[in-house]
Amino acid sequence: MTPQNPNDPTSEEVHEKIRQDLERYGWTILSTIYDEILCSQTFGLQKNFKHPEIEVVGLNDEMSCLFLNTLAQRIKMGQQFTHGSLIDEIIEGYELMLVHNPLDPQGMPLLEGRLRLIWPDSQHRYPWHQDCDSGCQVQAQLFSEQMN
């Protein structure tokens, strides 16, 4: 077990922040590193707004939170997103896409039906395009079967 950094919040502080976010906004963002890739997802959309949770992989924490919080705010206002939804208002000139029910790292379908936010590279290519840059391609590394 890795020793905790003294500057890291305690588990009690993390739980309190999650509780406060859920009370104030109706959702929070949870992030973790898996196979050296940042994975972030909403928590609270299903319970509070009857909408599937949304996840994004391969972006830095700032961009992940920007994308997920923007979508969550729209959901709170009544907008619904489904598999195939295209979002072109978050980053000017770029079209983001939502896909359904990604696979977990062991390849088993997730039962709660999360949506995955897919982002293109700087040339507007998605992870399923062969010439997509490696930064964008990380989205396919964790869940390659979902992208095919």
Protein backbone atom coordinates (compact mmCIF):
# COMPACT_ATOMS: atom_id res chain seq x y z
CA MET A 1 0.00 0.00 0.00
CA THR A 2 1.32 3.43 -0.98
CA PRO A 3 1.71 5.82 1.95
CA GLN A 4 -0.66 8.76 1.84
CA ASN A 5 0.80 12.15 0.97
CA PRO A 6 0.28 14.44 4.01
CA ASN A 7 -1.15 17.10 1.66
CA ASP A 8 -3.83 14.72 0.30
CA PRO A 9 -7.32 15.07 1.76
CA THR A 10 -8.43 12.40 4.21
CA SER A 11 -11.13 9.96 3.18
CA GLU A 12 -13.50 11.81 5.52
CA GLU A 13 -12.77 15.09 3.72
CA VAL A 14 -13.34 13.44 0.33
CA HIS A 15 -16.66 11.95 1.50
CA GLU A 16 -17.75 15.34 2.85
CA LYS A 17 -16.90 17.06 -0.46
CA ILE A 18 -18.93 14.44 -2.38
CA ARG A 19 -21.88 14.88 0.00
CA GLN A 20 -21.72 18.68 -0.34
CA ASP A 21 -21.58 18.50 -4.16
CA LEU A 22 -24.55 16.12 -4.27
CA GLU A 23 -26.56 18.41 -1.98
CA ARG A 24 -25.63 21.63 -3.77
CA TYR A 25 -25.58 20.53 -7.43
CA GLY A 26 -27.16 17.07 -7.58
CA TRP A 27 -23.97 15.46 -8.93
CA THR A 28 -20.23 15.30 -8.41
CA ILE A 29 -17.26 14.26 -10.52
CA LEU A 30 -15.16 11.26 -9.49
CA SER A 31 -11.78 10.62 -11.09
CA THR A 32 -9.23 7.85 -10.92
CA ILE A 33 -6.14 6.74 -12.79
CA TYR A 34 -6.44 3.38 -14.54
CA ASP A 35 -3.54 2.00 -16.54
CA GLU A 36 -1.97 5.50 -16.40
CA ILE A 37 -5.05 7.09 -18.00
CA LEU A 38 -7.31 9.55 -16.17
CA CYS A 39 -10.90 8.31 -16.06
CA SER A 40 -13.59 10.70 -14.81
CA GLN A 41 -17.32 10.21 -14.39
CA THR A 42 -20.36 11.88 -12.97
CA PHE A 43 -22.06 10.53 -9.87
CA GLY A 44 -25.62 11.55 -9.02
CA LEU A 45 -27.22 12.07 -12.45
CA GLN A 46 -29.06 8.74 -12.38
CA LYS A 47 -30.45 9.19 -8.89
CA ASN A 48 -31.29 12.88 -9.04
CA PHE A 49 -32.19 13.44 -12.70
CA LYS A 50 -33.03 9.93 -14.01
CA HIS A 51 -30.23 10.27 -16.56
CA PRO A 52 -27.36 7.85 -17.22
CA GLU A 53 -24.03 8.79 -15.67
CA ILE A 54 -21.43 10.12 -18.12
CA GLU A 55 -17.73 9.27 -18.23
CA VAL A 56 -14.74 10.56 -20.16
CA VAL A 57 -11.24 9.11 -20.41
CA GLY A 58 -7.86 10.43 -21.48
CA LEU A 59 -8.30 14.14 -20.79
CA ASN A 60 -6.67 16.15 -18.02
CA ASP A 61 -8.71 16.86 -14.90
CA GLU A 62 -9.58 20.43 -15.93
CA MET A 63 -11.00 19.45 -19.33
CA SER A 64 -12.78 16.37 -17.94
CA CYS A 65 -14.52 18.49 -15.31
CA LEU A 66 -15.40 21.21 -17.84
CA PHE A 67 -17.03 18.69 -20.20
CA LEU A 68 -18.82 16.67 -17.53
CA ASN A 69 -20.04 19.66 -15.50
CA THR A 70 -21.33 21.40 -18.64
CA LEU A 71 -23.31 18.30 -19.64
CA ALA A 72 -24.56 17.79 -16.07
CA GLN A 73 -25.79 21.40 -15.89
CA ARG A 74 -27.74 20.86 -19.12
CA ILE A 75 -29.21 17.64 -17.73
CA LYS A 76 -30.24 19.47 -14.56
CA MET A 77 -32.05 21.99 -16.80
CA GLY A 78 -33.96 19.12 -18.45
CA GLN A 79 -31.89 18.19 -21.49
CA GLN A 80 -31.52 14.45 -22.16
CA PHE A 81 -28.59 12.81 -23.91
CA THR A 82 -28.55 9.36 -25.48
CA HIS A 83 -26.24 7.14 -27.48
CA GLY A 84 -25.28 9.04 -30.62
CA SER A 85 -25.90 12.53 -29.20
CA LEU A 86 -23.54 15.06 -30.78
CA ILE A 87 -22.45 18.07 -28.75
CA ASP A 88 -20.78 20.94 -30.58
CA GLU A 89 -21.31 23.83 -28.16
CA ILE A 90 -18.72 23.03 -25.46
CA ILE A 91 -15.53 23.52 -27.49
CA GLU A 92 -15.96 25.76 -30.51
CA GLY A 93 -15.23 23.96 -33.75
CA TYR A 94 -15.23 20.47 -32.20
CA GLU A 95 -17.99 17.91 -32.06
CA LEU A 96 -18.13 15.61 -29.04
CA MET A 97 -20.11 12.38 -29.17
CA LEU A 98 -21.86 10.21 -26.58
CA VAL A 99 -21.86 6.43 -26.92
CA HIS A 100 -23.67 3.89 -24.78
CA ASN A 101 -22.67 1.33 -22.22
CA PRO A 102 -18.88 1.16 -22.35
CA LEU A 103 -17.08 -1.97 -21.26
CA ASP A 104 -15.10 -2.20 -18.07
CA PRO A 105 -11.36 -3.02 -18.21
CA GLN A 106 -12.10 -6.75 -17.95
CA GLY A 107 -14.52 -6.52 -20.89
CA MET A 108 -17.79 -7.04 -19.01
CA PRO A 109 -20.72 -4.76 -19.94
CA LEU A 110 -21.61 -2.26 -17.24
CA LEU A 111 -25.20 -2.80 -16.23
CA GLU A 112 -26.17 0.75 -15.30
CA GLY A 113 -25.80 1.98 -18.87
CA ARG A 114 -23.35 4.83 -18.53
CA LEU A 115 -22.67 7.07 -21.50
CA ARG A 116 -19.11 7.71 -22.67
CA LEU A 117 -18.16 11.13 -23.96
CA ILE A 118 -15.86 10.71 -26.99
CA TRP A 119 -13.66 13.60 -28.07
CA PRO A 120 -11.79 14.05 -31.37
CA ASP A 121 -8.15 14.96 -31.92
CA SER A 122 -7.06 18.38 -33.23
CA GLN A 123 -7.76 17.22 -36.81
CA HIS A 124 -11.35 16.20 -35.87
CA ARG A 125 -10.55 12.47 -36.01
CA TYR A 126 -12.08 10.07 -33.48
CA PRO A 127 -10.33 7.11 -31.79
CA TRP A 128 -11.73 4.64 -34.32
CA HIS A 129 -9.96 6.43 -37.19
CA GLN A 130 -6.59 4.81 -37.95
CA ASP A 131 -4.78 8.13 -38.31
CA CYS A 132 -6.10 9.55 -35.03
CA ASP A 133 -3.31 11.01 -32.90
CA SER A 134 -2.04 9.01 -29.93
CA GLY A 135 -3.42 11.43 -27.33
CA CYS A 136 -6.95 10.83 -28.58
CA GLN A 137 -6.30 7.14 -29.20
CA VAL A 138 -6.05 6.48 -25.43
CA GLN A 139 -9.86 6.47 -25.40
CA ALA A 140 -9.75 3.22 -27.34
CA GLN A 141 -7.00 1.59 -25.28
CA LEU A 142 -9.12 0.86 -22.22
CA PHE A 143 -12.27 -0.17 -24.01
CA SER A 144 -11.21 -1.12 -27.54
CA GLU A 145 -14.15 -3.45 -28.16
CA GLN A 146 -16.60 -0.60 -27.57
CA MET A 147 -14.98 1.51 -30.30
CA ASN A 148 -15.27 -1.14 -33.04
